[in-house]
C-alpha atoms as a PDB file:
ATOM      1  CA  MET A   1       0.000   0.000   0.000  1.00  0.00           C
ATOM      2  CA  THR A   2       1.354   3.408  -0.879  1.00  0.00           C
ATOM      3  CA  ARG A   3       2.031   5.873   1.919  1.00  0.00           C
ATOM      4  CA  ARG A   4      -0.771   8.117   0.629  1.00  0.00           C
ATOM      5  CA  ARG A   5      -3.257   5.238   0.650  1.00  0.00           C
ATOM      6  CA  LEU A   6      -2.146   4.119   4.105  1.00  0.00           C
ATOM      7  CA  ALA A   7      -2.443   7.650   5.455  1.00  0.00           C
ATOM      8  CA  THR A   8      -5.904   8.011   3.902  1.00  0.00           C
ATOM      9  CA  LEU A   9      -7.096   4.665   5.250  1.00  0.00           C
ATOM     10  CA  LEU A  10      -5.756   5.337   8.738  1.00  0.00           C
ATOM     11  CA  GLY A  11      -7.090   8.892   8.725  1.00  0.00           C
ATOM     12  CA  LEU A  12     -10.569   7.694   7.836  1.00  0.00           C
ATOM     13  CA  ALA A  13     -10.341   4.926  10.386  1.00  0.00           C
ATOM     14  CA  ALA A  14      -9.340   7.364  13.122  1.00  0.00           C
ATOM     15  CA  LEU A  15     -12.283   9.599  12.274  1.00  0.00           C
ATOM     16  CA  LEU A  16     -14.636   6.642  12.368  1.00  0.00           C
ATOM     17  CA  ALA A  17     -13.260   5.673  15.763  1.00  0.00           C
ATOM     18  CA  ALA A  18     -15.060   8.564  17.407  1.00  0.00           C
ATOM     19  CA  GLY A  19     -17.872   6.239  18.431  1.00  0.00           C
ATOM     20  CA  CYS A  20     -15.650   3.406  19.599  1.00  0.00           C
ATOM     21  CA  ALA A  21     -15.483   2.441  23.250  1.00  0.00           C
ATOM     22  CA  ALA A  22     -12.505   0.577  24.609  1.00  0.00           C
ATOM     23  CA  ARG A  23     -10.425  -0.089  27.682  1.00  0.00           C
ATOM     24  CA  ALA A  24      -6.656  -0.066  27.654  1.00  0.00           C
ATOM     25  CA  PRO A  25      -5.003  -3.482  27.669  1.00  0.00           C
ATOM     26  CA  ALA A  26      -3.071  -4.228  30.821  1.00  0.00           C
ATOM     27  CA  ALA A  27       0.118  -4.858  28.829  1.00  0.00           C
ATOM     28  CA  ARG A  28       1.197  -1.186  28.816  1.00  0.00           C
ATOM     29  CA  VAL A  29       2.643   0.126  32.062  1.00  0.00           C
ATOM     30  CA  SER A  30       2.808   3.837  32.714  1.00  0.00           C
ATOM     31  CA  THR A  31       4.973   5.644  35.206  1.00  0.00           C
ATOM     32  CA  LEU A  32       2.187   8.169  35.804  1.00  0.00           C
ATOM     33  CA  PRO A  33       0.354   8.093  39.128  1.00  0.00           C
ATOM     34  CA  GLU A  34      -2.878   6.120  38.967  1.00  0.00           C
ATOM     35  CA  ASP A  35      -4.667   8.288  41.514  1.00  0.00           C
ATOM     36  CA  ARG A  36      -4.903  11.286  39.180  1.00  0.00           C
ATOM     37  CA  ASP A  37      -8.204  12.688  38.058  1.00  0.00           C
ATOM     38  CA  PRO A  38      -9.156  11.092  34.702  1.00  0.00           C
ATOM     39  CA  ALA A  39     -10.259  14.456  33.274  1.00  0.00           C
ATOM     40  CA  PHE A  40      -6.859  15.942  34.170  1.00  0.00           C
ATOM     41  CA  LEU A  41      -5.056  13.038  32.506  1.00  0.00           C
ATOM     42  CA  VAL A  42      -7.166  13.400  29.339  1.00  0.00           C
ATOM     43  CA  ASP A  43      -6.525  17.146  29.207  1.00  0.00           C
ATOM     44  CA  GLN A  44      -2.794  16.621  29.648  1.00  0.00           C
ATOM     45  CA  GLY A  45      -2.780  13.919  26.976  1.00  0.00           C
ATOM     46  CA  LYS A  46      -4.591  16.196  24.535  1.00  0.00           C
ATOM     47  CA  ARG A  47      -2.201  19.062  25.317  1.00  0.00           C
ATOM     48  CA  PHE A  48       0.833  16.906  24.663  1.00  0.00           C
ATOM     49  CA  ALA A  49      -0.765  15.602  21.464  1.00  0.00           C
ATOM     50  CA  SER A  50      -1.449  19.152  20.277  1.00  0.00           C
ATOM     51  CA  ILE A  51       2.247  20.062  20.538  1.00  0.00           C
ATOM     52  CA  GLY A  52       3.403  16.828  18.926  1.00  0.00           C
ATOM     53  CA  ASP A  53       4.768  15.102  22.038  1.00  0.00           C
ATOM     54  CA  THR A  54       3.274  11.741  21.191  1.00  0.00           C
ATOM     55  CA  VAL A  55       5.209   9.823  23.851  1.00  0.00           C
ATOM     56  CA  ARG A  56       3.774  11.847  26.710  1.00  0.00           C
ATOM     57  CA  ALA A  57       0.373  12.018  25.033  1.00  0.00           C
ATOM     58  CA  GLU A  58       0.257   8.193  24.859  1.00  0.00           C
ATOM     59  CA  GLN A  59       1.279   7.922  28.524  1.00  0.00           C
ATOM     60  CA  TYR A  60      -1.331  10.349  29.779  1.00  0.00           C
ATOM     61  CA  LEU A  61      -4.129   8.990  27.614  1.00  0.00           C
ATOM     62  CA  ALA A  62      -3.363   5.376  28.596  1.00  0.00           C
ATOM     63  CA  ALA A  63      -3.322   6.439  32.254  1.00  0.00           C
ATOM     64  CA  ALA A  64      -6.630   8.246  31.750  1.00  0.00           C
ATOM     65  CA  MET A  65      -8.240   5.069  30.412  1.00  0.00           C
ATOM     66  CA  ARG A  66      -6.901   3.057  33.354  1.00  0.00           C
ATOM     67  CA  ALA A  67      -8.212   5.737  35.711  1.00  0.00           C
ATOM     68  CA  GLY A  68     -11.709   5.359  34.270  1.00  0.00           C
ATOM     69  CA  ALA A  69     -11.952   8.192  31.740  1.00  0.00           C
ATOM     70  CA  ASP A  70     -14.740   8.010  29.164  1.00  0.00           C
ATOM     71  CA  GLU A  71     -13.257   5.676  26.579  1.00  0.00           C
ATOM     72  CA  THR A  72     -15.452   7.004  23.794  1.00  0.00           C
ATOM     73  CA  VAL A  73     -13.602  10.298  24.238  1.00  0.00           C
ATOM     74  CA  VAL A  74     -10.101   8.988  24.955  1.00  0.00           C
ATOM     75  CA  MET A  75      -9.696   6.033  22.577  1.00  0.00           C
ATOM     76  CA  PRO A  76     -10.055   7.986  19.302  1.00  0.00           C
ATOM     77  CA  VAL A  77      -7.507  10.549  20.502  1.00  0.00           C
ATOM     78  CA  PHE A  78      -5.202   7.813  21.747  1.00  0.00           C
ATOM     79  CA  LEU A  79      -5.344   5.939  18.442  1.00  0.00           C
ATOM     80  CA  ARG A  80      -4.718   9.135  16.439  1.00  0.00           C
ATOM     81  CA  VAL A  81      -1.656   9.772  18.628  1.00  0.00           C
ATOM     82  CA  CYS A  82      -0.421   6.215  18.056  1.00  0.00           C
ATOM     83  CA  VAL A  83      -0.860   6.599  14.296  1.00  0.00           C
ATOM     84  CA  ALA A  84       0.856  10.011  14.291  1.00  0.00           C
ATOM     85  CA  ALA A  85       3.787   8.460  16.158  1.00  0.00           C
ATOM     86  CA  LYS A  86       3.745   5.466  13.792  1.00  0.00           C
ATOM     87  CA  HIS A  87       3.142   3.188  16.763  1.00  0.00           C
ATOM     88  CA  TYR A  88       0.882   0.965  14.722  1.00  0.00           C
ATOM     89  CA  ARG A  89       1.521  -2.182  16.764  1.00  0.00           C
ATOM     90  CA  LEU A  90       0.422  -0.420  19.950  1.00  0.00           C
ATOM     91  CA  ALA A  91      -2.676   0.881  18.186  1.00  0.00           C
ATOM     92  CA  VAL A  92      -3.427  -2.648  16.921  1.00  0.00           C
ATOM     93  CA  GLU A  93      -3.085  -4.003  20.469  1.00  0.00           C
ATOM     94  CA  TYR A  94      -5.599  -1.487  21.832  1.00  0.00           C
ATOM     95  CA  ALA A  95      -7.991  -1.831  18.889  1.00  0.00           C
ATOM     96  CA  ASP A  96      -7.971  -5.652  19.036  1.00  0.00           C
ATOM     97  CA  ALA A  97      -8.656  -5.588  22.780  1.00  0.00           C
ATOM     98  CA  ALA A  98     -11.501  -3.124  22.294  1.00  0.00           C
ATOM     99  CA  LEU A  99     -13.001  -5.138  19.452  1.00  0.00           C
ATOM    100  CA  ALA A 100     -12.947  -8.280  21.589  1.00  0.00           C
ATOM    101  CA  ARG A 101     -15.157  -6.443  24.092  1.00  0.00           C
ATOM    102  CA  HIS A 102     -17.332  -4.728  21.473  1.00  0.00           C
ATOM    103  CA  PRO A 103     -17.661  -7.156  18.555  1.00  0.00           C
ATOM    104  CA  ALA A 104     -20.751  -5.433  17.143  1.00  0.00           C
ATOM    105  CA  ASP A 105     -19.010  -2.055  16.742  1.00  0.00           C
ATOM    106  CA  ALA A 106     -18.624  -1.743  12.962  1.00  0.00           C
ATOM    107  CA  ARG A 107     -16.578   1.450  13.079  1.00  0.00           C
ATOM    108  CA  LEU A 108     -14.143  -0.100  15.511  1.00  0.00           C
ATOM    109  CA  ARG A 109     -13.982  -3.167  13.252  1.00  0.00           C
ATOM    110  CA  PHE A 110     -13.090  -0.939  10.284  1.00  0.00           C
ATOM    111  CA  LEU A 111     -10.450   0.867  12.327  1.00  0.00           C
ATOM    112  CA  THR A 112      -8.971  -2.428  13.509  1.00  0.00           C
ATOM    113  CA  GLY A 113      -8.806  -3.668   9.922  1.00  0.00           C
ATOM    114  CA  ALA A 114      -7.096  -0.475   8.790  1.00  0.00           C
ATOM    115  CA  LEU A 115      -4.551  -0.836  11.573  1.00  0.00           C
ATOM    116  CA  HIS A 116      -3.844  -4.444  10.590  1.00  0.00           C
ATOM    117  CA  VAL A 117      -3.159  -3.206   7.055  1.00  0.00           C
ATOM    118  CA  SER A 118      -0.671  -0.738   8.514  1.00  0.00           C
ATOM    119  CA  VAL A 119       1.321  -3.497  10.232  1.00  0.00           C
ATOM    120  CA  GLY A 120       1.412  -5.720   7.171  1.00  0.00           C
ATOM    121  CA  GLU A 121      -1.301  -8.190   8.149  1.00  0.00           C
ATOM    122  CA  PRO A 122      -3.610  -8.089   5.113  1.00  0.00           C
ATOM    123  CA  ALA A 123      -5.128 -11.527   5.738  1.00  0.00           C
ATOM    124  CA  ARG A 124      -6.332 -10.439   9.163  1.00  0.00           C
ATOM    125  CA  ALA A 125      -7.347  -7.031   7.844  1.00  0.00           C
ATOM    126  CA  ARG A 126      -9.459  -8.590   5.106  1.00  0.00           C
ATOM    127  CA  ASP A 127     -11.942 -10.212   7.485  1.00  0.00           C
ATOM    128  CA  TYR A 128     -12.325  -7.029   9.521  1.00  0.00           C
ATOM    129  CA  LEU A 129     -12.726  -4.787   6.489  1.00  0.00           C
ATOM    130  CA  GLU A 130     -15.196  -7.049   4.667  1.00  0.00           C
ATOM    131  CA  GLU A 131     -17.401  -7.298   7.744  1.00  0.00           C
ATOM    132  CA  ALA A 132     -17.178  -3.562   8.405  1.00  0.00           C
ATOM    133  CA  ALA A 133     -18.180  -2.849   4.805  1.00  0.00           C
ATOM    134  CA  ARG A 134     -21.196  -5.143   5.215  1.00  0.00           C
ATOM    135  CA  GLN A 135     -22.218  -3.425   8.431  1.00  0.00           C
ATOM    136  CA  LEU A 136     -21.556   0.086   7.090  1.00  0.00           C
ATOM    137  CA  ARG A 137     -23.203  -0.369   3.685  1.00  0.00           C
ATOM    138  CA  ASP A 138     -24.294   3.264   3.513  1.00  0.00           C
ATOM    139  CA  ASP A 139     -20.836   4.699   4.171  1.00  0.00           C
ATOM    140  CA  ALA A 140     -19.330   5.527   0.786  1.00  0.00           C
ATOM    141  CA  ASP A 141     -15.862   6.203   2.196  1.00  0.00           C
ATOM    142  CA  VAL A 142     -15.724   2.802   3.863  1.00  0.00           C
ATOM    143  CA  GLN A 143     -16.785   1.125   0.606  1.00  0.00           C
ATOM    144  CA  PHE A 144     -14.110   3.004  -1.316  1.00  0.00           C
ATOM    145  CA  SER A 145     -11.400   2.241   1.257  1.00  0.00           C
ATOM    146  CA  VAL A 146     -12.205  -1.466   1.196  1.00  0.00           C
ATOM    147  CA  ALA A 147     -12.168  -1.431  -2.617  1.00  0.00           C
ATOM    148  CA  VAL A 148      -8.736   0.201  -2.622  1.00  0.00           C
ATOM    149  CA  PHE A 149      -7.515  -2.318  -0.053  1.00  0.00           C
ATOM    150  CA  PHE A 150      -8.504  -5.199  -2.346  1.00  0.00           C
ATOM    151  CA  ARG A 151      -7.128  -3.518  -5.456  1.00  0.00           C
ATOM    152  CA  ASP A 152      -3.813  -2.253  -4.030  1.00  0.00           C
ATOM    153  CA  ASP A 153      -2.940  -4.488  -1.085  1.00  0.00           C
ATOM    154  CA  LEU A 154      -4.289  -7.811  -2.271  1.00  0.00           C
ATOM    155  CA  SER A 155      -4.031  -7.143  -6.033  1.00  0.00           C
ATOM    156  CA  ASP A 156      -7.558  -8.541  -6.335  1.00  0.00           C
ATOM    157  CA  LYS A 157      -9.463  -6.372  -8.804  1.00  0.00           C
ATOM    158  CA  VAL A 158     -12.342  -8.845  -8.930  1.00  0.00           C
ATOM    159  CA  ALA A 159     -12.954  -8.564  -5.173  1.00  0.00           C
ATOM    160  CA  ALA A 160     -12.511  -4.770  -5.329  1.00  0.00           C
ATOM    161  CA  ASP A 161     -15.098  -4.285  -8.075  1.00  0.00           C
ATOM    162  CA  PRO A 162     -18.312  -4.613  -6.002  1.00  0.00           C
ATOM    163  CA  TYR A 163     -16.966  -2.147  -3.427  1.00  0.00           C
ATOM    164  CA  PHE A 164     -16.118   0.392  -6.134  1.00  0.00           C
ATOM    165  CA  ARG A 165     -19.610  -0.088  -7.579  1.00  0.00           C
ATOM    166  CA  GLU A 166     -21.183   0.408  -4.156  1.00  0.00           C
ATOM    167  CA  TYR A 167     -19.138   3.571  -3.641  1.00  0.00           C
ATOM    168  CA  LEU A 168     -20.371   4.926  -6.986  1.00  0.00           C
ATOM    169  CA  ARG A 169     -23.964   4.033  -6.132  1.00  0.00           C
ATOM    170  CA  LEU A 170     -23.674   5.911  -2.837  1.00  0.00           C
ATOM    171  CA  SER A 171     -21.570   8.821  -4.080  1.00  0.00           C
ATOM    172  CA  PRO A 172     -21.683   9.080  -7.888  1.00  0.00           C
ATOM    173  CA  LYS A 173     -20.063  12.534  -7.825  1.00  0.00           C
ATOM    174  CA  GLY A 174     -17.914  11.951  -4.752  1.00  0.00           C
ATOM    175  CA  ALA A 175     -14.262  12.846  -4.296  1.00  0.00           C
ATOM    176  CA  HIS A 176     -13.146   9.399  -5.493  1.00  0.00           C
ATOM    177  CA  ALA A 177     -15.734   8.851  -8.230  1.00  0.00           C
ATOM    178  CA  GLU A 178     -13.299   9.126 -11.137  1.00  0.00           C
ATOM    179  CA  GLU A 179     -10.804   6.737  -9.540  1.00  0.00           C
ATOM    180  CA  ALA A 180     -13.617   4.295  -8.767  1.00  0.00           C
ATOM    181  CA  ARG A 181     -14.880   4.427 -12.354  1.00  0.00           C
ATOM    182  CA  VAL A 182     -11.491   3.669 -13.885  1.00  0.00           C
ATOM    183  CA  SER A 183     -11.012   0.825 -11.400  1.00  0.00           C
ATOM    184  CA  LEU A 184     -14.215  -0.985 -12.394  1.00  0.00           C
ATOM    185  CA  MET A 185     -13.966  -4.345 -14.092  1.00  0.00           C
ATOM    186  CA  VAL A 186     -15.149  -4.354 -17.684  1.00  0.00           C
ATOM    187  CA  ARG A 187     -17.210  -7.230 -19.048  1.00  0.00           C
ATOM    188  CA  VAL A 188     -15.521  -8.873 -22.021  1.00  0.00           C
ATOM    189  CA  GLN A 189     -17.854 -10.357 -24.605  1.00  0.00           C
END
């Protein structure tokens, strides 16, 4: 997958994560005090993220989740920080743990699939992305992203075709309409 495609896929996935709930896996240990106010930890994590200090942002946000902060608020920020820092494995760890607890969350499933693409696990990503596309049938961007995944990462234009067609049905004049059209399979007589 090209860097542009990966950045687009991960960017979309991070935006979709806004509705995802998750708890931090116990595997990460922070040196931050656990008795801090979760709101304070979240604020500090966001501040560090805003100035580009992803290491401290990750520490504070992970501590906030352990301290009981609202995961629907913290997890999307945390995952964006992980992606910005190129800590894809850490993001995969958190996303997988969250998905295990929330298997019906289609947006989290899409995000988890996108993260598996980023760490070079297309076979695992495929299942997540296909299911997310089924659950999010009306989301043109998800359909397009899954189509591009099949076309570019798996070199499977046949599998990509229905997703490109679905994107065009949902968004015939969308930002990716021209690319989707030229990527369609053509029937040979």
